[in-house]
Amino acid sequence: MGNDLTRRLTDFDADVSPNNPANVEAARQRGLSYDFVKGAYVDDEGCLIRDEFGQEF
């Protein structure tokens, strides 16, 4: 079904770097970016949301 509400988000792949296209896409879908200084995924305010492997804190 084409409903956006039921569309599954791309999973983070802990076996590859945050620069990997799959992880970039997973972060984009969640409104996150990877902060290389902090070593974690952050929201648009710079708050730590996920670790370097994409796991929630």
Protein backbone atom coordinates (compact mmCIF):
# COMPACT_ATOMS: atom_id res chain seq x y z
CA MET A 1 0.00 0.00 0.00
CA GLY A 2 1.30 3.43 -0.89
CA ASN A 3 0.32 5.16 2.34
CA ASP A 4 3.24 7.20 3.70
CA LEU A 5 2.13 6.49 7.27
CA THR A 6 2.75 2.78 6.81
CA ARG A 7 6.06 3.18 4.96
CA ARG A 8 8.92 1.58 6.87
CA LEU A 9 11.96 3.70 7.67
CA THR A 10 15.38 2.61 6.46
CA ASP A 11 17.32 0.86 9.23
CA PHE A 12 20.74 2.09 10.31
CA ASP A 13 23.55 -0.34 9.41
CA ALA A 14 25.99 -0.54 12.33
CA ASP A 15 28.51 -2.42 10.17
CA VAL A 16 29.29 0.58 7.96
CA SER A 17 30.28 4.20 8.54
CA PRO A 18 27.83 7.06 9.01
CA ASN A 19 28.91 8.24 5.53
CA ASN A 20 27.44 5.12 3.95
CA PRO A 21 24.44 6.02 1.75
CA ALA A 22 22.13 3.70 3.71
CA ASN A 23 22.97 5.43 7.00
CA VAL A 24 22.74 8.88 5.43
CA GLU A 25 19.26 7.99 4.18
CA ALA A 26 18.19 6.49 7.53
CA ALA A 27 19.28 9.68 9.28
CA ARG A 28 17.60 11.92 6.70
CA GLN A 29 14.30 10.08 7.10
CA ARG A 30 14.43 10.81 10.84
CA GLY A 31 15.53 14.43 10.48
CA LEU A 32 18.98 13.67 11.91
CA SER A 33 22.55 14.26 10.80
CA TYR A 34 25.82 12.75 11.92
CA ASP A 35 28.08 15.02 13.96
CA PHE A 36 31.65 13.77 13.55
CA VAL A 37 32.90 15.94 16.43
CA LYS A 38 30.35 14.51 18.85
CA GLY A 39 30.53 11.04 17.29
CA ALA A 40 26.76 10.67 17.24
CA TYR A 41 23.59 11.45 15.32
CA VAL A 42 22.03 14.76 16.33
CA ASP A 43 18.77 16.58 15.69
CA ASP A 44 18.54 20.04 14.15
CA GLU A 45 19.29 21.63 17.54
CA GLY A 46 22.47 19.57 18.01
CA CYS A 47 21.03 17.29 20.70
CA LEU A 48 22.42 13.77 20.81
CA ILE A 49 19.76 11.33 19.60
CA ARG A 50 21.58 8.18 18.48
CA ASP A 51 25.08 6.80 18.95
CA GLU A 52 27.56 6.24 16.13
CA PHE A 53 25.88 2.92 15.29
CA GLY A 54 22.39 4.41 15.03
CA GLN A 55 21.21 3.07 18.38
CA GLU A 56 19.04 5.34 20.54
CA PHE A 57 20.62 6.64 23.72
